[in-house]
């Protein structure tokens, strides 16, 4: 059998090392393929040839009832995404409140700190690529006994001093270090997307609470108008009673209507306070230190056109989907780390130091010392612990994959719900506007009829109740239309500028 010379040995070792260095244990992460769905609902989806489609092939147009024009939003797949998702609402006070919330919200501060922590951990993991250099220094007194030197030898106690660097390098043959770095980077990406999701959530909550406050305030305004009508009706009945044209029962009915309507005011004021306090909390303050703007429904503009991302693009826009993908990436890298632990671990340690028995001779040339040592550790028998840990990592990867797929499905469902809601909101808005017009006309005619003695007070109160219900329904329809517009913008992964995060 031929013998290898020194040059051949070095070549074989170098080739073996290079081959091992090229192997990285565990699967390589591949992002899941985009969904194959071409639309969010069973109806036809918007396309470049037919971009103005709400759901299917129908665009909801403007509808005029009386003197009021009810605007409708066109869903347009070709419309560019706004730089601020709430910009289409065109409310300067909402913009200012969201900016304040993004700057002062404590939950966002926690999310930012968590991201900074993940970035620091990721930076620390990068050190595994390079040799570790330490400075060792020591001083002590030592005495050896017979067990060390033997019964015939005797070494008196002595003092020693040492100082010098030590270099340690772990050869990443199986790729465990690289997979660990990959895992930490993926976890950093996850925290970054979680911050984006938190920013989107806070800004969305501000918009929803602003709409809630505006709705409560509109209901209060309606109710105060209604109470004014109740008082007018009561005076009308009392005047008729004085003239002998109404009974005491008619007066009591009018008084009862006024008293009942007055009970509706405190809950609405409570709703307004709750929304205002929620806005203060989102803005990072207490209700006593910060007062929310007096939002009105008419200050929110119903966008004429709304953007719609195609399904294949949604997974690249929504931060919750991107966060789930980053979690899947980290879980995949964890399988590589667990796989690498099954292979030999090779490390090299080199030391250079100055050693002496007296401090004054520590840095003499004769005190120089050094060492070079390599180690190899190969698991032989651990009762299946390492393989069980790898299987656990594989199972965790499957959990992350299933979670990712569920997040994608939830996202598609949210967009589909928002699209359907917007179409039905428009139908409801038209109906409620018509009901208000009819109820107002009926109330006016009923009052005229009562004044002429052709109808009773109960008819007036019933007409007034119908008018109240119609006005309340209109406010709810207007508010719901705006809320569902916000929900669609959020479901599409609304953009928030980095400068505001």
Protein backbone atom coordinates (compact mmCIF):
# COMPACT_ATOMS: atom_id res chain seq x y z
CA UNK A 1 0.00 0.00 0.00
CA UNK A 2 1.59 3.31 -1.02
CA UNK A 3 2.31 5.87 1.65
CA UNK A 4 1.23 9.50 1.37
CA UNK A 5 3.88 12.17 1.67
CA UNK A 6 3.36 15.37 3.69
CA UNK A 7 2.22 17.34 0.67
CA UNK A 8 -0.41 14.73 -0.22
CA UNK A 9 -1.61 14.58 3.36
CA UNK A 10 -2.09 18.34 3.46
CA UNK A 11 -3.97 18.23 0.16
CA UNK A 12 -6.33 15.50 1.41
CA UNK A 13 -7.03 17.33 4.63
CA UNK A 14 -7.74 20.56 2.74
CA UNK A 15 -10.07 18.78 0.31
CA UNK A 16 -11.90 17.02 3.14
CA UNK A 17 -12.32 20.32 5.01
CA UNK A 18 -13.60 22.11 1.91
CA UNK A 19 -16.08 19.33 1.23
CA UNK A 20 -17.43 19.46 4.75
CA UNK A 21 -17.58 23.25 4.71
CA UNK A 22 -19.84 23.08 1.69
CA UNK A 23 -22.38 20.92 3.51
CA UNK A 24 -25.03 22.64 5.56
CA UNK A 25 -27.31 20.34 7.51
CA UNK A 26 -31.05 20.67 7.32
CA UNK A 27 -33.46 21.84 4.60
CA UNK A 28 -32.98 25.11 2.76
CA UNK A 29 -35.89 27.50 3.29
CA UNK A 30 -38.10 28.15 0.28
CA UNK A 31 -40.94 30.63 0.66
CA UNK A 32 -44.36 29.02 0.13
CA UNK A 33 -45.85 29.56 -3.29
CA UNK A 34 -48.47 32.32 -3.61
CA UNK A 35 -52.10 31.14 -3.56
CA UNK A 36 -53.48 30.14 -6.92
CA UNK A 37 -56.79 31.94 -6.32
CA UNK A 38 -57.45 34.70 -8.83
CA UNK A 39 -60.13 36.45 -6.76
CA UNK A 40 -61.19 36.85 -3.16
CA UNK A 41 -64.80 35.80 -3.68
CA UNK A 42 -66.71 33.44 -5.91
CA UNK A 43 -67.51 36.35 -8.21
CA UNK A 44 -65.19 37.71 -10.88
CA UNK A 45 -62.20 39.64 -9.62
CA UNK A 46 -61.06 43.06 -10.83
CA UNK A 47 -58.73 42.94 -13.81
CA UNK A 48 -56.81 45.50 -15.89
CA UNK A 49 -59.52 45.19 -18.55
CA UNK A 50 -62.25 45.67 -15.98
CA UNK A 51 -60.62 47.36 -12.98
CA UNK A 52 -63.63 49.15 -11.60
CA UNK A 53 -65.30 46.14 -10.05
CA UNK A 54 -66.55 45.91 -6.50
CA UNK A 55 -67.41 42.21 -6.43
CA UNK A 56 -68.15 40.65 -9.75
CA UNK A 57 -68.91 42.99 -12.62
CA UNK A 58 -70.99 45.57 -10.76
CA UNK A 59 -69.84 49.05 -9.87
CA UNK A 60 -71.99 50.85 -7.34
CA UNK A 61 -72.75 54.28 -8.69
CA UNK A 62 -73.76 57.52 -7.01
CA UNK A 63 -77.35 57.69 -5.83
CA UNK A 64 -79.26 60.91 -5.18
CA UNK A 65 -82.24 60.99 -2.82
CA UNK A 66 -83.83 64.31 -2.06
CA UNK A 67 -81.05 66.87 -1.80
CA UNK A 68 -78.39 64.43 -0.59
CA UNK A 69 -75.94 62.60 -2.82
CA UNK A 70 -74.64 59.34 -1.48
CA UNK A 71 -71.22 58.63 -2.87
CA UNK A 72 -69.97 55.13 -3.65
CA UNK A 73 -66.43 53.82 -3.82
CA UNK A 74 -65.12 52.07 -6.92
CA UNK A 75 -62.78 49.16 -6.24
CA UNK A 76 -59.85 49.53 -8.62
CA UNK A 77 -57.10 46.92 -8.89
CA UNK A 78 -54.93 49.33 -10.88
CA UNK A 79 -55.07 52.15 -8.34
CA UNK A 80 -51.70 52.81 -6.63
CA UNK A 81 -51.56 52.20 -2.90
CA UNK A 82 -51.58 55.47 -0.89
CA UNK A 83 -48.45 56.28 1.11
CA UNK A 84 -50.66 56.41 4.23
CA UNK A 85 -53.52 53.93 4.20
CA UNK A 86 -55.89 56.42 5.91
CA UNK A 87 -55.16 59.21 3.40
CA UNK A 88 -58.27 58.38 1.26
CA UNK A 89 -60.48 59.38 4.22
CA UNK A 90 -59.10 62.92 3.84
CA UNK A 91 -59.39 63.86 7.52
CA UNK A 92 -56.57 66.15 8.73
CA UNK A 93 -57.53 65.62 12.37
CA UNK A 94 -57.45 61.84 11.95
CA UNK A 95 -54.02 62.14 10.33
CA UNK A 96 -52.75 64.24 13.25
CA UNK A 97 -54.15 61.82 15.84
CA UNK A 98 -52.64 58.79 14.14
CA UNK A 99 -49.27 60.51 13.94
CA UNK A 100 -49.40 61.27 17.65
CA UNK A 101 -50.40 57.69 18.48
CA UNK A 102 -47.57 56.23 16.40
CA UNK A 103 -45.09 58.50 18.15
CA UNK A 104 -46.29 58.03 21.74
CA UNK A 105 -48.03 54.64 21.98
CA UNK A 106 -46.31 52.52 24.62
CA UNK A 107 -47.19 49.21 22.96
CA UNK A 108 -45.27 50.37 19.91
CA UNK A 109 -42.36 51.36 22.16
CA UNK A 110 -42.34 47.77 23.47
CA UNK A 111 -42.46 46.40 19.92
CA UNK A 112 -39.55 48.63 18.88
CA UNK A 113 -37.51 47.51 21.91
CA UNK A 114 -38.29 43.87 21.11
CA UNK A 115 -37.05 44.40 17.55
CA UNK A 116 -33.86 46.04 18.88
CA UNK A 117 -33.35 43.04 21.17
CA UNK A 118 -33.75 40.62 18.26
CA UNK A 119 -31.28 42.64 16.18
CA UNK A 120 -28.73 42.52 19.02
CA UNK A 121 -29.14 38.75 19.40
CA UNK A 122 -28.76 38.33 15.64
CA UNK A 123 -25.59 40.42 15.67
CA UNK A 124 -24.23 38.31 18.53
CA UNK A 125 -24.87 35.09 16.57
CA UNK A 126 -22.65 36.38 13.75
CA UNK A 127 -19.63 36.01 16.02
CA UNK A 128 -19.80 32.24 15.57
CA UNK A 129 -18.30 32.66 12.11
CA UNK A 130 -15.01 33.97 13.45
CA UNK A 131 -12.29 32.89 15.90
CA UNK A 132 -12.79 33.92 19.51
CA UNK A 133 -9.78 35.69 21.05
CA UNK A 134 -9.49 36.05 24.83
CA UNK A 135 -6.81 37.38 27.13
CA UNK A 136 -6.08 35.02 30.01
CA UNK A 137 -4.18 36.18 33.06
CA UNK A 138 -3.68 34.36 36.32
CA UNK A 139 -1.78 34.28 39.55
CA UNK A 140 -1.77 31.58 42.21
CA UNK A 141 0.14 29.38 44.58
CA UNK A 142 0.39 25.66 43.97
CA UNK A 143 1.57 22.60 45.94
CA UNK A 144 1.66 19.12 44.45
CA UNK A 145 1.43 15.99 46.54
CA UNK A 146 2.77 12.45 46.12
CA UNK A 147 -0.14 11.41 43.95
CA UNK A 148 1.10 13.79 41.27
CA UNK A 149 4.90 13.33 41.39
CA UNK A 150 5.22 9.93 43.00
CA UNK A 151 6.47 8.99 46.47
CA UNK A 152 10.13 9.56 45.68
CA UNK A 153 9.78 13.08 44.34
CA UNK A 154 9.16 16.25 46.28
CA UNK A 155 8.35 19.69 44.87
CA UNK A 156 8.03 22.58 47.29
CA UNK A 157 5.07 24.96 47.02
CA UNK A 158 5.51 27.68 44.42
CA UNK A 159 3.85 30.85 43.17
CA UNK A 160 3.09 31.30 39.47
CA UNK A 161 2.11 34.16 37.15
CA UNK A 162 0.78 33.90 33.59
CA UNK A 163 -0.64 36.18 30.93
CA UNK A 164 -1.37 35.75 27.21
CA UNK A 165 -3.99 35.41 24.49
CA UNK A 166 -6.03 32.33 23.67
CA UNK A 167 -7.67 31.75 20.29
CA UNK A 168 -10.54 29.29 19.84
CA UNK A 169 -12.22 28.45 16.57
CA UNK A 170 -15.04 25.99 15.98
CA UNK A 171 -15.04 24.56 12.45
CA UNK A 172 -18.61 24.81 11.13
CA UNK A 173 -18.37 21.59 9.11
CA UNK A 174 -22.04 20.68 9.47
CA UNK A 175 -23.32 24.23 9.12
CA UNK A 176 -24.79 24.52 12.61
CA UNK A 177 -23.37 28.01 13.07
CA UNK A 178 -24.67 29.17 9.71
CA UNK A 179 -28.11 27.76 10.44
CA UNK A 180 -28.10 29.49 13.83
CA UNK A 181 -27.27 32.80 12.18
CA UNK A 182 -29.98 32.18 9.59
CA UNK A 183 -32.47 31.41 12.36
CA UNK A 184 -31.66 34.60 14.27
CA UNK A 185 -31.94 36.69 11.13
CA UNK A 186 -35.35 35.17 10.44
CA UNK A 187 -36.44 35.91 14.00
CA UNK A 188 -35.31 39.50 13.51
CA UNK A 189 -37.40 39.67 10.34
CA UNK A 190 -40.31 38.28 12.33
CA UNK A 191 -40.02 41.01 14.96
CA UNK A 192 -39.72 43.64 12.23
CA UNK A 193 -42.97 42.46 10.64
CA UNK A 194 -44.57 42.24 14.08
CA UNK A 195 -43.70 45.89 14.56
CA UNK A 196 -45.29 46.69 11.20
CA UNK A 197 -48.40 44.76 12.27
CA UNK A 198 -48.51 46.64 15.58
CA UNK A 199 -48.20 49.97 13.77
CA UNK A 200 -51.03 48.98 11.45
CA UNK A 201 -53.13 47.82 14.41
CA UNK A 202 -52.62 51.03 16.39
CA UNK A 203 -53.37 53.28 13.43
CA UNK A 204 -56.42 51.16 12.57
CA UNK A 205 -57.70 51.31 16.15
CA UNK A 206 -57.31 55.09 16.13
CA UNK A 207 -59.41 55.31 12.98
CA UNK A 208 -62.08 52.96 14.35
CA UNK A 209 -62.29 54.79 17.69
CA UNK A 210 -62.45 58.13 15.88
CA UNK A 211 -65.38 56.80 13.85
CA UNK A 212 -66.99 55.45 17.03
CA UNK A 213 -66.68 58.87 18.65
CA UNK A 214 -68.05 60.57 15.54
CA UNK A 215 -70.96 58.12 15.42
CA UNK A 216 -71.82 58.67 19.08
CA UNK A 217 -71.64 62.43 18.60
CA UNK A 218 -73.92 62.23 15.54
CA UNK A 219 -76.38 60.12 17.52
CA UNK A 220 -76.30 62.65 20.35
CA UNK A 221 -76.98 65.47 17.89
CA UNK A 222 -79.89 63.50 16.43
CA UNK A 223 -81.26 62.75 19.86
CA UNK A 224 -81.03 66.37 20.95
CA UNK A 225 -82.98 67.34 17.83
CA UNK A 226 -85.47 64.63 18.70
CA UNK A 227 -85.81 65.93 22.25
CA UNK A 228 -86.46 69.39 20.83
CA UNK A 229 -89.22 67.83 18.69
CA UNK A 230 -90.58 66.04 21.77
CA UNK A 231 -90.79 69.31 23.61
CA UNK A 232 -92.52 70.94 20.64
CA UNK A 233 -94.99 68.04 20.49
CA UNK A 234 -95.62 68.30 24.22
CA UNK A 235 -96.30 72.02 23.92
CA UNK A 236 -98.58 71.34 20.97
CA UNK A 237 -100.56 68.78 22.96
CA UNK A 238 -100.69 70.99 26.05
CA UNK A 239 -102.01 73.89 23.99
CA UNK A 240 -104.64 71.57 22.49
CA UNK A 241 -105.53 70.33 25.99
CA UNK A 242 -105.94 73.92 27.16
CA UNK A 243 -108.24 74.58 24.22
CA UNK A 244 -110.20 71.43 25.02
CA UNK A 245 -109.13 69.62 21.85
CA UNK A 246 -106.92 67.00 23.59
CA UNK A 247 -107.30 64.79 26.62
CA UNK A 248 -105.17 64.35 29.68
CA UNK A 249 -104.11 60.98 28.28
CA UNK A 250 -102.71 62.73 25.20
CA UNK A 251 -100.64 64.99 27.44
CA UNK A 252 -99.34 62.04 29.45
CA UNK A 253 -98.41 60.20 26.23
CA UNK A 254 -96.40 63.20 25.03
CA UNK A 255 -94.71 63.55 28.41
CA UNK A 256 -93.92 59.82 28.43
CA UNK A 257 -92.37 60.05 24.95
CA UNK A 258 -90.13 62.93 26.08
CA UNK A 259 -89.07 61.06 29.24
CA UNK A 260 -88.32 57.85 27.34
CA UNK A 261 -86.24 59.64 24.73
CA UNK A 262 -84.26 61.42 27.45
CA UNK A 263 -83.13 58.02 28.76
CA UNK A 264 -81.33 57.40 25.45
CA UNK A 265 -78.92 60.28 25.97
CA UNK A 266 -76.71 58.96 28.86
CA UNK A 267 -75.69 55.71 27.05
CA UNK A 268 -74.66 57.71 23.99
CA UNK A 269 -72.61 60.09 26.11
CA UNK A 270 -71.01 57.06 27.74
CA UNK A 271 -70.13 55.63 24.30
CA UNK A 272 -68.57 58.96 23.37
CA UNK A 273 -66.51 59.02 26.57
CA UNK A 274 -65.34 55.43 26.05
CA UNK A 275 -64.19 56.19 22.50
CA UNK A 276 -62.47 59.40 23.60
CA UNK A 277 -60.70 57.63 26.45
CA UNK A 278 -59.61 54.85 24.08
CA UNK A 279 -58.11 57.47 21.76
CA UNK A 280 -56.20 58.98 24.69
CA UNK A 281 -54.83 55.53 25.58
CA UNK A 282 -53.77 54.91 21.98
CA UNK A 283 -52.09 58.32 21.97
CA UNK A 284 -50.01 57.28 24.99
CA UNK A 285 -51.71 59.54 27.49
CA UNK A 286 -54.41 59.59 30.13
CA UNK A 287 -57.89 60.99 29.47
CA UNK A 288 -57.20 63.80 31.93
CA UNK A 289 -54.00 64.85 30.13
CA UNK A 290 -55.14 64.60 26.51
CA UNK A 291 -58.46 65.42 24.91
CA UNK A 292 -59.43 63.74 21.67
CA UNK A 293 -60.59 65.93 18.78
CA UNK A 294 -64.34 66.36 18.33
CA UNK A 295 -64.58 64.04 15.34
CA UNK A 296 -67.63 64.44 13.10
CA UNK A 297 -68.90 61.93 10.56
CA UNK A 298 -69.00 64.53 7.82
CA UNK A 299 -65.26 65.21 8.15
CA UNK A 300 -64.48 61.71 6.85
CA UNK A 301 -64.59 61.55 3.08
CA UNK A 302 -65.89 58.44 1.40
CA UNK A 303 -63.17 57.63 -1.17
CA UNK A 304 -64.31 57.66 -4.77
CA UNK A 305 -61.81 54.88 -5.58
CA UNK A 306 -60.22 52.24 -3.39
CA UNK A 307 -57.14 50.15 -4.24
CA UNK A 308 -57.36 46.38 -4.39
CA UNK A 309 -54.28 44.16 -4.37
CA UNK A 310 -54.59 40.97 -6.41
CA UNK A 311 -54.42 37.79 -4.28
CA UNK A 312 -50.90 36.88 -5.36
CA UNK A 313 -49.64 40.27 -4.12
CA UNK A 314 -51.45 40.21 -0.78
CA UNK A 315 -48.93 37.83 0.79
CA UNK A 316 -46.18 40.38 0.14
CA UNK A 317 -48.15 43.29 1.63
CA UNK A 318 -49.72 42.12 4.87
CA UNK A 319 -47.33 42.21 7.83
CA UNK A 320 -49.04 39.30 9.59
CA UNK A 321 -48.42 37.07 6.55
CA UNK A 322 -44.81 38.22 6.33
CA UNK A 323 -44.36 37.61 10.07
CA UNK A 324 -45.76 34.07 9.71
CA UNK A 325 -43.39 33.45 6.80
CA UNK A 326 -40.43 34.65 8.88
CA UNK A 327 -41.49 32.29 11.69
CA UNK A 328 -41.57 29.44 9.19
CA UNK A 329 -38.09 30.44 8.00
CA UNK A 330 -36.77 30.42 11.59
CA UNK A 331 -38.38 27.03 12.26
CA UNK A 332 -36.78 25.62 9.09
CA UNK A 333 -33.35 26.89 10.15
CA UNK A 334 -33.91 25.32 13.59
CA UNK A 335 -34.18 21.94 11.87
CA UNK A 336 -30.73 22.61 10.36
CA UNK A 337 -29.30 23.45 13.79
CA UNK A 338 -30.71 20.24 15.27
CA UNK A 339 -29.40 18.24 12.29
CA UNK A 340 -25.91 19.72 12.63
CA UNK A 341 -25.76 18.56 16.23
CA UNK A 342 -25.82 14.96 14.95
CA UNK A 343 -22.44 15.43 13.24
CA UNK A 344 -18.92 15.73 14.68
CA UNK A 345 -18.02 19.03 16.34
CA UNK A 346 -14.42 20.06 15.63
CA UNK A 347 -12.65 22.94 17.34
CA UNK A 348 -9.09 24.26 17.52
CA UNK A 349 -7.53 26.14 20.43
CA UNK A 350 -4.22 28.00 20.32
CA UNK A 351 -2.57 29.71 23.29
CA UNK A 352 0.46 31.95 23.66
CA UNK A 353 1.42 33.12 27.12
CA UNK A 354 4.17 34.29 29.41
CA UNK A 355 4.61 32.09 32.50
CA UNK A 356 6.98 32.62 35.44
CA UNK A 357 7.37 31.96 39.15
CA UNK A 358 8.16 35.58 39.89
CA UNK A 359 6.53 38.71 38.66
CA UNK A 360 9.83 40.36 37.65
CA UNK A 361 10.71 37.50 35.27
CA UNK A 362 7.23 37.20 33.75
CA UNK A 363 8.17 38.94 30.51
CA UNK A 364 11.61 37.39 30.03
CA UNK A 365 12.19 35.48 26.83
CA UNK A 366 12.58 32.26 28.78
CA UNK A 367 9.01 32.66 30.13
CA UNK A 368 7.36 32.28 26.72
CA UNK A 369 4.98 29.32 26.40
CA UNK A 370 2.35 28.20 23.96
CA UNK A 371 0.10 25.41 22.90
CA UNK A 372 -2.06 24.15 20.05
CA UNK A 373 -4.82 21.64 20.55
CA UNK A 374 -7.67 20.32 18.48
CA UNK A 375 -10.73 18.44 19.61
CA UNK A 376 -13.41 16.35 17.94
CA UNK A 377 -16.65 15.38 19.58
CA UNK A 378 -18.93 12.85 17.96
CA UNK A 379 -22.13 11.80 19.73
CA UNK A 380 -22.15 8.02 20.05
CA UNK A 381 -24.91 7.14 22.47
CA UNK A 382 -27.34 9.60 24.00
CA UNK A 383 -30.40 7.35 24.15
CA UNK A 384 -31.81 9.05 21.02
CA UNK A 385 -31.91 12.54 22.57
CA UNK A 386 -30.37 14.39 19.61
CA UNK A 387 -32.54 12.64 17.03
CA UNK A 388 -35.62 13.27 19.15
CA UNK A 389 -34.70 16.96 19.31
CA UNK A 390 -34.34 17.03 15.53
CA UNK A 391 -37.75 15.40 15.13
CA UNK A 392 -39.21 17.98 17.50
CA UNK A 393 -37.72 20.71 15.31
CA UNK A 394 -39.27 19.11 12.21
CA UNK A 395 -42.65 18.95 13.94
CA UNK A 396 -42.31 22.61 14.98
CA UNK A 397 -41.59 23.47 11.34
CA UNK A 398 -44.81 21.72 10.31
CA UNK A 399 -46.69 23.72 12.96
CA UNK A 400 -45.26 26.95 11.56
CA UNK A 401 -46.23 25.91 8.02
CA UNK A 402 -49.82 25.16 9.06
CA UNK A 403 -49.98 28.47 10.96
CA UNK A 404 -48.70 30.34 7.92
CA UNK A 405 -51.31 28.76 5.69
CA UNK A 406 -54.05 29.62 8.18
CA UNK A 407 -52.90 33.25 8.37
CA UNK A 408 -53.08 33.46 4.58
CA UNK A 409 -56.59 32.00 4.55
CA UNK A 410 -57.71 34.40 7.29
CA UNK A 411 -56.29 37.32 5.31
CA UNK A 412 -58.15 36.35 2.15
CA UNK A 413 -61.33 35.90 4.15
CA UNK A 414 -60.98 39.36 5.71
CA UNK A 415 -60.58 41.00 2.31
CA UNK A 416 -63.56 39.06 0.93
CA UNK A 417 -65.70 40.06 3.93
CA UNK A 418 -64.74 43.72 3.54
CA UNK A 419 -65.60 43.68 -0.17
CA UNK A 420 -68.97 42.05 0.47
CA UNK A 421 -69.68 44.43 3.35
CA UNK A 422 -68.98 47.47 1.22
CA UNK A 423 -71.43 46.37 -1.44
CA UNK A 424 -74.18 45.69 1.10
CA UNK A 425 -73.34 48.89 3.00
CA UNK A 426 -74.09 50.89 -0.12
CA UNK A 427 -77.47 49.17 -0.49
CA UNK A 428 -78.27 49.86 3.16
CA UNK A 429 -77.15 53.48 2.89
CA UNK A 430 -79.49 54.10 -0.04
CA UNK A 431 -82.37 52.44 1.81
CA UNK A 432 -81.78 54.37 5.02
CA UNK A 433 -81.60 57.68 3.15
CA UNK A 434 -84.91 56.89 1.53
CA UNK A 435 -86.41 55.95 4.89
CA UNK A 436 -85.27 59.26 6.40
CA UNK A 437 -86.82 61.27 3.59
CA UNK A 438 -90.13 59.42 3.81
CA UNK A 439 -90.24 59.51 7.62
CA UNK A 440 -89.52 63.25 7.71
CA UNK A 441 -92.27 63.96 5.20
CA UNK A 442 -94.70 61.70 7.07
CA UNK A 443 -93.94 63.45 10.39
CA UNK A 444 -94.53 66.88 8.89
CA UNK A 445 -97.86 65.83 7.37
CA UNK A 446 -98.97 64.11 10.58
CA UNK A 447 -98.27 67.23 12.62
CA UNK A 448 -100.25 69.34 10.16
CA UNK A 449 -103.08 66.83 10.34
CA UNK A 450 -103.00 66.92 14.15
CA UNK A 451 -103.09 70.73 14.16
CA UNK A 452 -106.10 70.54 11.88
CA UNK A 453 -107.78 68.06 14.22
CA UNK A 454 -107.75 65.23 11.69
CA UNK A 455 -105.46 62.87 13.66
CA UNK A 456 -104.60 62.09 17.27
CA UNK A 457 -101.50 62.57 19.31
CA UNK A 458 -100.62 58.88 19.13
CA UNK A 459 -100.26 59.19 15.37
CA UNK A 460 -97.87 62.12 15.87
CA UNK A 461 -95.80 60.17 18.39
CA UNK A 462 -95.67 57.13 16.14
CA UNK A 463 -94.59 59.23 13.17
CA UNK A 464 -91.95 60.84 15.34
CA UNK A 465 -90.68 57.45 16.51
CA UNK A 466 -90.38 56.26 12.92
CA UNK A 467 -88.50 59.43 12.03
CA UNK A 468 -86.14 58.87 14.95
CA UNK A 469 -85.49 55.26 13.96
CA UNK A 470 -84.82 56.28 10.36
CA UNK A 471 -82.33 58.98 11.40
CA UNK A 472 -80.57 56.61 13.78
CA UNK A 473 -80.42 53.99 11.04
CA UNK A 474 -78.91 56.49 8.60
CA UNK A 475 -76.18 57.44 11.05
CA UNK A 476 -75.37 53.76 11.60
CA UNK A 477 -75.31 53.12 7.86
CA UNK A 478 -72.98 56.06 7.24
CA UNK A 479 -70.72 54.97 10.08
CA UNK A 480 -70.71 51.33 8.96
CA UNK A 481 -69.81 52.36 5.42
CA UNK A 482 -66.78 54.27 6.70
CA UNK A 483 -65.80 51.50 9.11
CA UNK A 484 -65.89 48.88 6.38
CA UNK A 485 -63.83 51.15 4.14
CA UNK A 486 -61.23 51.29 6.93
CA UNK A 487 -61.44 47.52 7.32
CA UNK A 488 -60.74 46.98 3.62
CA UNK A 489 -57.74 49.32 3.69
CA UNK A 490 -56.39 47.47 6.73
CA UNK A 491 -57.14 44.01 5.31
CA UNK A 492 -55.07 44.90 2.25
CA UNK A 493 -52.07 45.55 4.51
CA UNK A 494 -52.30 49.33 4.49
CA UNK A 495 -49.02 51.16 4.18
CA UNK A 496 -47.56 53.29 6.98
CA UNK A 497 -44.42 55.31 6.08
CA UNK A 498 -41.24 54.15 7.83
CA UNK A 499 -40.65 57.71 8.96
CA UNK A 500 -43.81 57.45 11.08
CA UNK A 501 -42.90 54.12 12.67
